Structure formats: structure tokens, C-alpha cells
Amino acid sequence: YLEKFKGADHDAVPAMKPKPIFPADAVMPTGQVLVTLTVESDGSVSAVEADAVKDDGVRQSLTNALGGWLFLPRLKSGVPVATKVSFPLKF
């Protein structure tokens, strides 16, 4: 990855995406929910924002699962840097 994009800019790319396990009594959101992840320069997720999810159990399950995602980090001139990644989750 670093060799392939040496000296280039490249967005963070998910490499491992564990799925959440929701509580049986969870009140699931409907439609789409925007989530934002802070991806560190080593590809780990240090923060998860899913403020639109109202059910505490669902939000905690999402935070646990998304916090375990691993990324090929964002590159700026070929150097890994921290970034924020936002995307909609469909329910």
C-alpha cells in the first residue's frame, strides 16, 4: 500500500469491518444514519460518532463494532495521516 502509493495522496480504505451485534430489545433506527469515524495514521479507529442513533444499546453496539474497524490509512504525499471518514449506514 505504502509502496504502491509512494508520494501520492490516497483516501483511507476499510480493510476489516466487524459487524455489530445488537441487543434483542433494541429499537433500531429506520432509513440511514450518518456515522463519522476518526481514523488514526496506523489505520485504527479512535472515535465513533453516531449521534443520530437514539437507542443507547444500538449506539453502543455500533460504537463497539465500528471502533474495531481497521483501515489502510489516508496518505498525504505518501505519508499516513489521521483523518475523519463519514458514511451513511442503512437500517
N, C-alpha and C. Protein backbone atom coordinates (compact mmCIF):
# COMPACT_ATOMS: atom_id res chain seq x y z
N TYR A 1 0.84 -1.19 0.00
CA TYR A 1 0.00 0.00 0.00
C TYR A 1 0.88 1.25 0.00
N LEU A 2 1.81 1.30 0.97
CA LEU A 2 2.69 2.47 1.04
C LEU A 2 3.59 2.56 -0.18
N GLU A 3 4.04 1.42 -0.65
CA GLU A 3 4.91 1.41 -1.84
C GLU A 3 4.10 1.76 -3.09
N LYS A 4 2.89 1.20 -3.19
CA LYS A 4 2.05 1.43 -4.36
C LYS A 4 1.71 2.91 -4.53
N PHE A 5 1.45 3.59 -3.39
CA PHE A 5 1.05 4.99 -3.43
C PHE A 5 2.14 5.92 -2.91
N LYS A 6 3.38 5.51 -3.08
CA LYS A 6 4.52 6.29 -2.60
C LYS A 6 4.47 7.71 -3.18
N GLY A 7 4.50 8.70 -2.27
CA GLY A 7 4.49 10.10 -2.68
C GLY A 7 3.13 10.63 -3.10
N ALA A 8 2.08 9.81 -3.03
CA ALA A 8 0.75 10.22 -3.52
C ALA A 8 -0.21 10.46 -2.35
N ASP A 9 -1.32 11.10 -2.68
CA ASP A 9 -2.44 11.24 -1.75
C ASP A 9 -3.42 10.11 -2.03
N HIS A 10 -4.01 9.56 -0.96
CA HIS A 10 -4.98 8.48 -1.12
C HIS A 10 -5.90 8.48 0.09
N ASP A 11 -7.20 8.27 -0.14
CA ASP A 11 -8.17 8.23 0.96
C ASP A 11 -7.99 6.97 1.78
N ALA A 12 -8.47 7.01 3.02
CA ALA A 12 -8.49 5.83 3.89
C ALA A 12 -9.44 4.80 3.29
N VAL A 13 -9.05 3.52 3.40
CA VAL A 13 -9.84 2.43 2.82
C VAL A 13 -10.07 1.38 3.91
N PRO A 14 -11.35 0.99 4.16
CA PRO A 14 -11.58 -0.04 5.17
C PRO A 14 -10.95 -1.37 4.75
N ALA A 15 -10.26 -2.02 5.69
CA ALA A 15 -9.62 -3.29 5.42
C ALA A 15 -10.28 -4.43 6.19
N MET A 16 -10.84 -4.12 7.38
CA MET A 16 -11.53 -5.12 8.19
C MET A 16 -12.72 -4.44 8.84
N LYS A 17 -13.92 -5.03 8.65
CA LYS A 17 -15.15 -4.39 9.11
C LYS A 17 -16.01 -5.36 9.92
N PRO A 18 -15.73 -5.55 11.23
CA PRO A 18 -16.60 -6.39 12.04
C PRO A 18 -18.01 -5.81 12.10
N LYS A 19 -19.01 -6.68 12.10
CA LYS A 19 -20.40 -6.25 12.13
C LYS A 19 -20.90 -6.14 13.57
N PRO A 20 -21.79 -5.19 13.81
CA PRO A 20 -22.34 -5.05 15.17
C PRO A 20 -23.31 -6.17 15.51
N ILE A 21 -23.39 -6.47 16.80
CA ILE A 21 -24.39 -7.40 17.33
C ILE A 21 -25.29 -6.55 18.22
N PHE A 22 -26.56 -6.43 17.81
CA PHE A 22 -27.49 -5.56 18.51
C PHE A 22 -28.24 -6.31 19.60
N PRO A 23 -28.59 -5.61 20.69
CA PRO A 23 -29.39 -6.23 21.75
C PRO A 23 -30.75 -6.65 21.21
N ALA A 24 -31.30 -7.71 21.76
CA ALA A 24 -32.60 -8.23 21.30
C ALA A 24 -33.72 -7.21 21.46
N ASP A 25 -33.64 -6.37 22.49
CA ASP A 25 -34.70 -5.40 22.76
C ASP A 25 -34.41 -4.02 22.16
N ALA A 26 -33.43 -3.94 21.27
CA ALA A 26 -33.03 -2.65 20.69
C ALA A 26 -34.12 -2.07 19.80
N VAL A 27 -34.24 -0.75 19.86
CA VAL A 27 -35.13 -0.02 18.96
C VAL A 27 -34.25 0.48 17.82
N MET A 28 -34.35 -0.20 16.69
CA MET A 28 -33.47 0.09 15.56
C MET A 28 -33.92 1.36 14.84
N PRO A 29 -32.95 2.15 14.36
CA PRO A 29 -33.31 3.31 13.53
C PRO A 29 -33.87 2.83 12.19
N THR A 30 -34.55 3.72 11.52
CA THR A 30 -35.06 3.39 10.19
C THR A 30 -34.34 4.28 9.18
N GLY A 31 -34.20 3.78 7.97
CA GLY A 31 -33.55 4.55 6.92
C GLY A 31 -32.05 4.55 7.06
N GLN A 32 -31.44 5.74 6.93
CA GLN A 32 -29.98 5.87 7.00
C GLN A 32 -29.57 6.72 8.19
N VAL A 33 -28.40 6.39 8.74
CA VAL A 33 -27.81 7.15 9.84
C VAL A 33 -26.38 7.48 9.44
N LEU A 34 -26.02 8.74 9.55
CA LEU A 34 -24.66 9.16 9.21
C LEU A 34 -23.74 8.87 10.40
N VAL A 35 -22.63 8.18 10.15
CA VAL A 35 -21.63 7.93 11.19
C VAL A 35 -20.31 8.54 10.73
N THR A 36 -19.52 8.98 11.70
CA THR A 36 -18.21 9.55 11.42
C THR A 36 -17.18 8.84 12.28
N LEU A 37 -16.12 8.37 11.64
CA LEU A 37 -15.04 7.68 12.34
C LEU A 37 -13.78 8.53 12.26
N THR A 38 -13.04 8.58 13.36
CA THR A 38 -11.71 9.17 13.33
C THR A 38 -10.73 8.03 13.13
N VAL A 39 -10.03 8.06 12.00
CA VAL A 39 -9.07 7.02 11.65
C VAL A 39 -7.67 7.57 11.87
N GLU A 40 -6.90 6.89 12.71
CA GLU A 40 -5.55 7.32 13.03
C GLU A 40 -4.57 6.93 11.92
N SER A 41 -3.36 7.43 12.01
CA SER A 41 -2.36 7.17 10.98
C SER A 41 -1.95 5.70 10.91
N ASP A 42 -2.24 4.92 11.96
CA ASP A 42 -1.94 3.48 11.93
C ASP A 42 -3.12 2.66 11.41
N GLY A 43 -4.22 3.34 11.05
CA GLY A 43 -5.39 2.66 10.50
C GLY A 43 -6.42 2.26 11.54
N SER A 44 -6.15 2.48 12.81
CA SER A 44 -7.11 2.15 13.86
C SER A 44 -8.15 3.27 13.99
N VAL A 45 -9.30 2.93 14.54
CA VAL A 45 -10.37 3.90 14.77
C VAL A 45 -10.29 4.35 16.22
N SER A 46 -10.18 5.66 16.44
CA SER A 46 -10.06 6.18 17.80
C SER A 46 -11.35 6.81 18.31
N ALA A 47 -12.29 7.11 17.41
CA ALA A 47 -13.55 7.71 17.84
C ALA A 47 -14.64 7.37 16.83
N VAL A 48 -15.86 7.18 17.36
CA VAL A 48 -17.03 6.89 16.55
C VAL A 48 -18.12 7.86 16.94
N GLU A 49 -18.69 8.55 15.95
CA GLU A 49 -19.81 9.46 16.20
C GLU A 49 -21.03 8.91 15.47
N ALA A 50 -22.07 8.61 16.25
CA ALA A 50 -23.34 8.14 15.69
C ALA A 50 -24.46 8.79 16.49
N ASP A 51 -24.42 10.11 16.53
CA ASP A 51 -25.31 10.88 17.39
C ASP A 51 -26.79 10.74 17.04
N ALA A 52 -27.10 10.43 15.80
CA ALA A 52 -28.50 10.33 15.38
C ALA A 52 -29.16 9.05 15.87
N VAL A 53 -28.39 8.10 16.40
CA VAL A 53 -28.95 6.85 16.91
C VAL A 53 -29.45 7.11 18.33
N LYS A 54 -30.74 6.97 18.54
CA LYS A 54 -31.36 7.32 19.82
C LYS A 54 -31.27 6.21 20.87
N ASP A 55 -31.35 4.95 20.45
CA ASP A 55 -31.31 3.82 21.38
C ASP A 55 -29.87 3.62 21.88
N ASP A 56 -29.68 3.66 23.21
CA ASP A 56 -28.34 3.54 23.79
C ASP A 56 -27.68 2.21 23.45
N GLY A 57 -28.45 1.12 23.45
CA GLY A 57 -27.90 -0.20 23.13
C GLY A 57 -27.41 -0.28 21.70
N VAL A 58 -28.18 0.28 20.78
CA VAL A 58 -27.80 0.29 19.36
C VAL A 58 -26.55 1.14 19.18
N ARG A 59 -26.54 2.32 19.80
CA ARG A 59 -25.39 3.22 19.68
C ARG A 59 -24.12 2.56 20.24
N GLN A 60 -24.26 1.87 21.38
CA GLN A 60 -23.10 1.20 21.98
C GLN A 60 -22.61 0.06 21.09
N SER A 61 -23.54 -0.70 20.51
CA SER A 61 -23.17 -1.80 19.60
C SER A 61 -22.44 -1.26 18.37
N LEU A 62 -22.95 -0.16 17.81
CA LEU A 62 -22.29 0.46 16.66
C LEU A 62 -20.90 0.97 17.04
N THR A 63 -20.80 1.62 18.19
CA THR A 63 -19.52 2.16 18.64
C THR A 63 -18.50 1.03 18.83
N ASN A 64 -18.93 -0.07 19.43
CA ASN A 64 -18.02 -1.20 19.65
C ASN A 64 -17.57 -1.81 18.32
N ALA A 65 -18.51 -2.04 17.41
CA ALA A 65 -18.17 -2.67 16.13
C ALA A 65 -17.33 -1.75 15.25
N LEU A 66 -17.80 -0.51 15.07
CA LEU A 66 -17.08 0.42 14.20
C LEU A 66 -15.72 0.80 14.79
N GLY A 67 -15.62 0.80 16.11
CA GLY A 67 -14.34 1.07 16.76
C GLY A 67 -13.33 -0.03 16.49
N GLY A 68 -13.79 -1.20 16.09
CA GLY A 68 -12.91 -2.31 15.77
C GLY A 68 -12.52 -2.39 14.30
N TRP A 69 -13.06 -1.50 13.48
CA TRP A 69 -12.68 -1.50 12.07
C TRP A 69 -11.20 -1.13 11.95
N LEU A 70 -10.58 -1.67 10.93
CA LEU A 70 -9.20 -1.30 10.60
C LEU A 70 -9.16 -0.78 9.17
N PHE A 71 -8.35 0.23 8.96
CA PHE A 71 -8.25 0.89 7.66
C PHE A 71 -6.83 0.86 7.13
N LEU A 72 -6.71 0.92 5.82
CA LEU A 72 -5.47 1.36 5.22
C LEU A 72 -5.55 2.88 5.36
N PRO A 73 -4.64 3.50 6.08
CA PRO A 73 -4.82 4.91 6.44
C PRO A 73 -4.76 5.86 5.25
N ARG A 74 -5.28 7.05 5.49
CA ARG A 74 -5.19 8.11 4.48
C ARG A 74 -3.72 8.45 4.28
N LEU A 75 -3.35 8.69 3.05
CA LEU A 75 -1.98 9.09 2.73
C LEU A 75 -1.97 10.52 2.21
N LYS A 76 -1.04 11.28 2.70
CA LYS A 76 -0.82 12.63 2.19
C LYS A 76 0.64 12.68 1.77
N SER A 77 0.86 12.80 0.47
CA SER A 77 2.21 12.74 -0.11
C SER A 77 2.92 11.45 0.29
N GLY A 78 2.13 10.35 0.38
CA GLY A 78 2.68 9.04 0.69
C GLY A 78 2.88 8.75 2.16
N VAL A 79 2.54 9.72 3.02
CA VAL A 79 2.73 9.56 4.47
C VAL A 79 1.37 9.33 5.13
N PRO A 80 1.24 8.27 5.96
CA PRO A 80 -0.03 8.03 6.66
C PRO A 80 -0.35 9.17 7.62
N VAL A 81 -1.62 9.64 7.57
CA VAL A 81 -2.08 10.72 8.46
C VAL A 81 -3.46 10.35 9.00
N ALA A 82 -3.81 10.94 10.13
CA ALA A 82 -5.13 10.76 10.70
C ALA A 82 -6.16 11.51 9.87
N THR A 83 -7.40 11.02 9.88
CA THR A 83 -8.47 11.66 9.11
C THR A 83 -9.81 11.29 9.71
N LYS A 84 -10.85 11.94 9.24
CA LYS A 84 -12.22 11.58 9.60
C LYS A 84 -12.89 11.01 8.35
N VAL A 85 -13.66 9.95 8.55
CA VAL A 85 -14.38 9.29 7.46
C VAL A 85 -15.85 9.26 7.83
N SER A 86 -16.70 9.81 6.99
CA SER A 86 -18.15 9.81 7.23
C SER A 86 -18.85 9.02 6.14
N PHE A 87 -19.89 8.27 6.54
CA PHE A 87 -20.67 7.50 5.57
C PHE A 87 -22.01 7.15 6.18
N PRO A 88 -23.03 6.91 5.33
CA PRO A 88 -24.34 6.53 5.85
C PRO A 88 -24.41 5.02 6.07
N LEU A 89 -25.06 4.63 7.17
CA LEU A 89 -25.38 3.23 7.41
C LEU A 89 -26.87 3.06 7.15
N LYS A 90 -27.22 2.02 6.40
CA LYS A 90 -28.63 1.75 6.09
C LYS A 90 -29.19 0.73 7.07
N PHE A 91 -30.37 1.02 7.59
CA PHE A 91 -31.05 0.10 8.50
C PHE A 91 -32.33 -0.39 7.89
